């Protein structure tokens, strides 16, 4: 278990804290970052809307929010908030397992904390390729 990583579930889901620790540990080795502190929070739709209003001034739900509190690129200090219901919707749309979509959102959140953006079509493509690469490697890890 990574000592500076906290995983919190505000409702029951298909993934465990142990699996999240394993995924983050794998990404830490692959991407050569360290963790000052990192919290991964799994929430319901209402909580996600609340966080989205509070931190981003958006009045809607989303699948993942990454909040970076670190000033160093490869030293993570942040919060990743993941909506369990939004992940379930995404999984259904993209014909993925719910667990796999939750893992994708953790990877996506960490990539954001490392400075990757997804504002343009090109950036989204880069992020998606990195997500696919790390998830395929993690499944054989």
C-alpha atoms as a PDB file:
ATOM      1  CA  UNK A   1       0.000   0.000   0.000  1.00  0.00           C
ATOM      2  CA  UNK A   2       1.185   3.499  -0.827  1.00  0.00           C
ATOM      3  CA  UNK A   3       1.428   5.450   2.414  1.00  0.00           C
ATOM      4  CA  UNK A   4       0.544   8.883   0.990  1.00  0.00           C
ATOM      5  CA  UNK A   5      -2.496   7.629  -0.941  1.00  0.00           C
ATOM      6  CA  UNK A   6      -6.004   7.743   0.516  1.00  0.00           C
ATOM      7  CA  UNK A   7      -8.889   6.034  -1.244  1.00  0.00           C
ATOM      8  CA  UNK A   8     -12.394   6.893  -0.056  1.00  0.00           C
ATOM      9  CA  UNK A   9     -15.674   5.385  -1.221  1.00  0.00           C
ATOM     10  CA  UNK A  10     -18.786   7.381  -0.409  1.00  0.00           C
ATOM     11  CA  UNK A  11     -20.900   4.534  -1.776  1.00  0.00           C
ATOM     12  CA  UNK A  12     -20.373   0.898  -2.671  1.00  0.00           C
ATOM     13  CA  UNK A  13     -18.734   0.076  -5.988  1.00  0.00           C
ATOM     14  CA  UNK A  14     -17.095  -2.724  -7.966  1.00  0.00           C
ATOM     15  CA  UNK A  15     -13.489  -1.803  -7.185  1.00  0.00           C
ATOM     16  CA  UNK A  16     -11.498  -1.987  -3.965  1.00  0.00           C
ATOM     17  CA  UNK A  17      -9.014   0.361  -2.342  1.00  0.00           C
ATOM     18  CA  UNK A  18      -6.402  -2.377  -2.766  1.00  0.00           C
ATOM     19  CA  UNK A  19      -6.952  -2.368  -6.547  1.00  0.00           C
ATOM     20  CA  UNK A  20      -6.625   1.428  -6.668  1.00  0.00           C
ATOM     21  CA  UNK A  21      -3.379   1.230  -4.664  1.00  0.00           C
ATOM     22  CA  UNK A  22      -2.094  -1.398  -7.078  1.00  0.00           C
ATOM     23  CA  UNK A  23      -2.990   0.727 -10.122  1.00  0.00           C
ATOM     24  CA  UNK A  24      -1.412   3.884  -8.675  1.00  0.00           C
ATOM     25  CA  UNK A  25       1.704   1.935  -7.699  1.00  0.00           C
ATOM     26  CA  UNK A  26       1.972   0.623 -11.263  1.00  0.00           C
ATOM     27  CA  UNK A  27       1.512   4.130 -12.727  1.00  0.00           C
ATOM     28  CA  UNK A  28       4.072   5.522 -10.283  1.00  0.00           C
ATOM     29  CA  UNK A  29       6.686   3.113 -11.663  1.00  0.00           C
ATOM     30  CA  UNK A  30       5.670   3.633 -15.292  1.00  0.00           C
ATOM     31  CA  UNK A  31       5.544   7.435 -15.152  1.00  0.00           C
ATOM     32  CA  UNK A  32       8.322   8.016 -12.590  1.00  0.00           C
ATOM     33  CA  UNK A  33       6.432  10.270 -10.209  1.00  0.00           C
ATOM     34  CA  UNK A  34       6.394  10.478  -6.430  1.00  0.00           C
ATOM     35  CA  UNK A  35       3.456  11.207  -4.176  1.00  0.00           C
ATOM     36  CA  UNK A  36       3.468  13.959  -1.609  1.00  0.00           C
ATOM     37  CA  UNK A  37      -0.223  13.254  -0.982  1.00  0.00           C
ATOM     38  CA  UNK A  38      -3.007  11.919  -3.167  1.00  0.00           C
ATOM     39  CA  UNK A  39      -6.646  11.271  -2.402  1.00  0.00           C
ATOM     40  CA  UNK A  40      -8.923   9.372  -4.756  1.00  0.00           C
ATOM     41  CA  UNK A  41     -12.539   9.965  -3.821  1.00  0.00           C
ATOM     42  CA  UNK A  42     -15.425   7.959  -5.315  1.00  0.00           C
ATOM     43  CA  UNK A  43     -18.747   9.805  -5.035  1.00  0.00           C
ATOM     44  CA  UNK A  44     -22.378   9.856  -6.150  1.00  0.00           C
ATOM     45  CA  UNK A  45     -23.865  12.279  -8.681  1.00  0.00           C
ATOM     46  CA  UNK A  46     -25.020  14.898  -6.165  1.00  0.00           C
ATOM     47  CA  UNK A  47     -21.582  15.068  -4.542  1.00  0.00           C
ATOM     48  CA  UNK A  48     -19.903  15.332  -7.951  1.00  0.00           C
ATOM     49  CA  UNK A  49     -22.162  18.239  -8.917  1.00  0.00           C
ATOM     50  CA  UNK A  50     -21.301  19.893  -5.609  1.00  0.00           C
ATOM     51  CA  UNK A  51     -17.547  19.475  -6.174  1.00  0.00           C
ATOM     52  CA  UNK A  52     -17.873  20.655  -9.772  1.00  0.00           C
ATOM     53  CA  UNK A  53     -19.676  23.810  -8.593  1.00  0.00           C
ATOM     54  CA  UNK A  54     -17.192  24.433  -5.788  1.00  0.00           C
ATOM     55  CA  UNK A  55     -13.950  23.933  -7.695  1.00  0.00           C
ATOM     56  CA  UNK A  56     -14.789  24.575 -11.356  1.00  0.00           C
ATOM     57  CA  UNK A  57     -17.963  26.717 -11.260  1.00  0.00           C
ATOM     58  CA  UNK A  58     -19.806  24.139 -13.426  1.00  0.00           C
ATOM     59  CA  UNK A  59     -23.384  23.254 -12.525  1.00  0.00           C
ATOM     60  CA  UNK A  60     -23.435  19.659 -13.744  1.00  0.00           C
ATOM     61  CA  UNK A  61     -21.989  16.238 -13.045  1.00  0.00           C
ATOM     62  CA  UNK A  62     -18.901  14.874 -14.752  1.00  0.00           C
ATOM     63  CA  UNK A  63     -16.976  11.619 -14.589  1.00  0.00           C
ATOM     64  CA  UNK A  64     -13.708  12.866 -13.057  1.00  0.00           C
ATOM     65  CA  UNK A  65     -12.219  16.012 -11.569  1.00  0.00           C
ATOM     66  CA  UNK A  66      -8.496  16.364 -10.855  1.00  0.00           C
ATOM     67  CA  UNK A  67      -7.309  19.051  -8.481  1.00  0.00           C
ATOM     68  CA  UNK A  68      -3.582  19.657  -8.438  1.00  0.00           C
ATOM     69  CA  UNK A  69      -2.151  21.272  -5.299  1.00  0.00           C
ATOM     70  CA  UNK A  70       1.490  20.626  -6.177  1.00  0.00           C
ATOM     71  CA  UNK A  71       3.828  23.049  -7.859  1.00  0.00           C
ATOM     72  CA  UNK A  72       6.168  20.274  -8.997  1.00  0.00           C
ATOM     73  CA  UNK A  73       5.392  18.283 -12.125  1.00  0.00           C
ATOM     74  CA  UNK A  74       6.428  14.808 -11.010  1.00  0.00           C
ATOM     75  CA  UNK A  75       5.509  15.160  -7.343  1.00  0.00           C
ATOM     76  CA  UNK A  76       1.792  14.541  -6.998  1.00  0.00           C
ATOM     77  CA  UNK A  77      -0.164  16.498  -4.453  1.00  0.00           C
ATOM     78  CA  UNK A  78      -3.791  16.399  -5.329  1.00  0.00           C
ATOM     79  CA  UNK A  79      -7.302  15.096  -5.298  1.00  0.00           C
ATOM     80  CA  UNK A  80      -9.028  12.943  -7.900  1.00  0.00           C
ATOM     81  CA  UNK A  81     -12.819  12.844  -7.591  1.00  0.00           C
ATOM     82  CA  UNK A  82     -14.625  10.129  -9.560  1.00  0.00           C
ATOM     83  CA  UNK A  83     -18.377   9.813 -10.051  1.00  0.00           C
ATOM     84  CA  UNK A  84     -19.392   6.170  -9.741  1.00  0.00           C
ATOM     85  CA  UNK A  85     -22.704   6.702 -11.602  1.00  0.00           C
ATOM     86  CA  UNK A  86     -21.023   8.635 -14.437  1.00  0.00           C
ATOM     87  CA  UNK A  87     -18.435   5.857 -14.748  1.00  0.00           C
ATOM     88  CA  UNK A  88     -21.272   3.321 -14.985  1.00  0.00           C
ATOM     89  CA  UNK A  89     -22.896   5.376 -17.776  1.00  0.00           C
ATOM     90  CA  UNK A  90     -19.576   5.611 -19.637  1.00  0.00           C
ATOM     91  CA  UNK A  91     -19.014   1.873 -19.276  1.00  0.00           C
ATOM     92  CA  UNK A  92     -22.413   1.167 -20.799  1.00  0.00           C
ATOM     93  CA  UNK A  93     -21.900   3.635 -23.671  1.00  0.00           C
ATOM     94  CA  UNK A  94     -18.415   2.311 -24.511  1.00  0.00           C
ATOM     95  CA  UNK A  95     -19.283  -1.338 -23.759  1.00  0.00           C
ATOM     96  CA  UNK A  96     -16.646  -1.618 -21.033  1.00  0.00           C
ATOM     97  CA  UNK A  97     -16.745  -3.228 -17.618  1.00  0.00           C
ATOM     98  CA  UNK A  98     -17.598  -0.758 -14.847  1.00  0.00           C
ATOM     99  CA  UNK A  99     -14.361  -1.688 -13.006  1.00  0.00           C
ATOM    100  CA  UNK A 100     -12.299  -0.982 -16.135  1.00  0.00           C
ATOM    101  CA  UNK A 101     -13.939   2.424 -16.575  1.00  0.00           C
ATOM    102  CA  UNK A 102     -13.167   3.309 -12.948  1.00  0.00           C
ATOM    103  CA  UNK A 103      -9.526   2.358 -13.578  1.00  0.00           C
ATOM    104  CA  UNK A 104      -9.503   4.495 -16.739  1.00  0.00           C
ATOM    105  CA  UNK A 105     -10.725   7.483 -14.726  1.00  0.00           C
ATOM    106  CA  UNK A 106      -7.964   6.999 -12.143  1.00  0.00           C
ATOM    107  CA  UNK A 107      -5.391   6.929 -14.948  1.00  0.00           C
ATOM    108  CA  UNK A 108      -7.025   9.972 -16.554  1.00  0.00           C
ATOM    109  CA  UNK A 109      -6.929  11.855 -13.248  1.00  0.00           C
ATOM    110  CA  UNK A 110      -3.272  11.075 -12.679  1.00  0.00           C
ATOM    111  CA  UNK A 111      -2.379  12.156 -16.212  1.00  0.00           C
ATOM    112  CA  UNK A 112      -4.084  15.486 -15.488  1.00  0.00           C
ATOM    113  CA  UNK A 113      -2.096  15.851 -12.258  1.00  0.00           C
ATOM    114  CA  UNK A 114       1.057  15.284 -14.306  1.00  0.00           C
ATOM    115  CA  UNK A 115       0.154  18.136 -16.625  1.00  0.00           C
ATOM    116  CA  UNK A 116      -1.644  16.415 -19.499  1.00  0.00           C
ATOM    117  CA  UNK A 117      -4.656  18.298 -20.845  1.00  0.00           C
ATOM    118  CA  UNK A 118      -7.690  17.248 -22.865  1.00  0.00           C
ATOM    119  CA  UNK A 119      -9.115  20.561 -24.059  1.00  0.00           C
ATOM    120  CA  UNK A 120      -8.515  19.980 -27.765  1.00  0.00           C
ATOM    121  CA  UNK A 121      -9.168  17.030 -30.064  1.00  0.00           C
ATOM    122  CA  UNK A 122      -5.422  16.412 -30.355  1.00  0.00           C
ATOM    123  CA  UNK A 123      -4.933  16.492 -26.558  1.00  0.00           C
ATOM    124  CA  UNK A 124      -7.913  14.145 -26.029  1.00  0.00           C
ATOM    125  CA  UNK A 125      -6.375  11.716 -28.513  1.00  0.00           C
ATOM    126  CA  UNK A 126      -3.038  11.773 -26.695  1.00  0.00           C
ATOM    127  CA  UNK A 127      -4.764  11.213 -23.332  1.00  0.00           C
ATOM    128  CA  UNK A 128      -6.900   8.355 -24.695  1.00  0.00           C
ATOM    129  CA  UNK A 129      -3.841   6.653 -26.222  1.00  0.00           C
ATOM    130  CA  UNK A 130      -1.957   6.936 -22.913  1.00  0.00           C
ATOM    131  CA  UNK A 131      -4.959   5.610 -20.980  1.00  0.00           C
ATOM    132  CA  UNK A 132      -5.272   2.632 -23.333  1.00  0.00           C
ATOM    133  CA  UNK A 133      -1.537   1.930 -23.156  1.00  0.00           C
ATOM    134  CA  UNK A 134      -1.352   1.980 -19.360  1.00  0.00           C
ATOM    135  CA  UNK A 135      -4.574   0.024 -18.885  1.00  0.00           C
ATOM    136  CA  UNK A 136      -3.437  -2.715 -21.274  1.00  0.00           C
ATOM    137  CA  UNK A 137      -0.050  -2.924 -19.490  1.00  0.00           C
ATOM    138  CA  UNK A 138      -1.730  -2.893 -16.070  1.00  0.00           C
ATOM    139  CA  UNK A 139      -3.996  -5.794 -17.000  1.00  0.00           C
ATOM    140  CA  UNK A 140      -0.877  -7.952 -17.490  1.00  0.00           C
ATOM    141  CA  UNK A 141       0.984  -6.463 -14.497  1.00  0.00           C
END
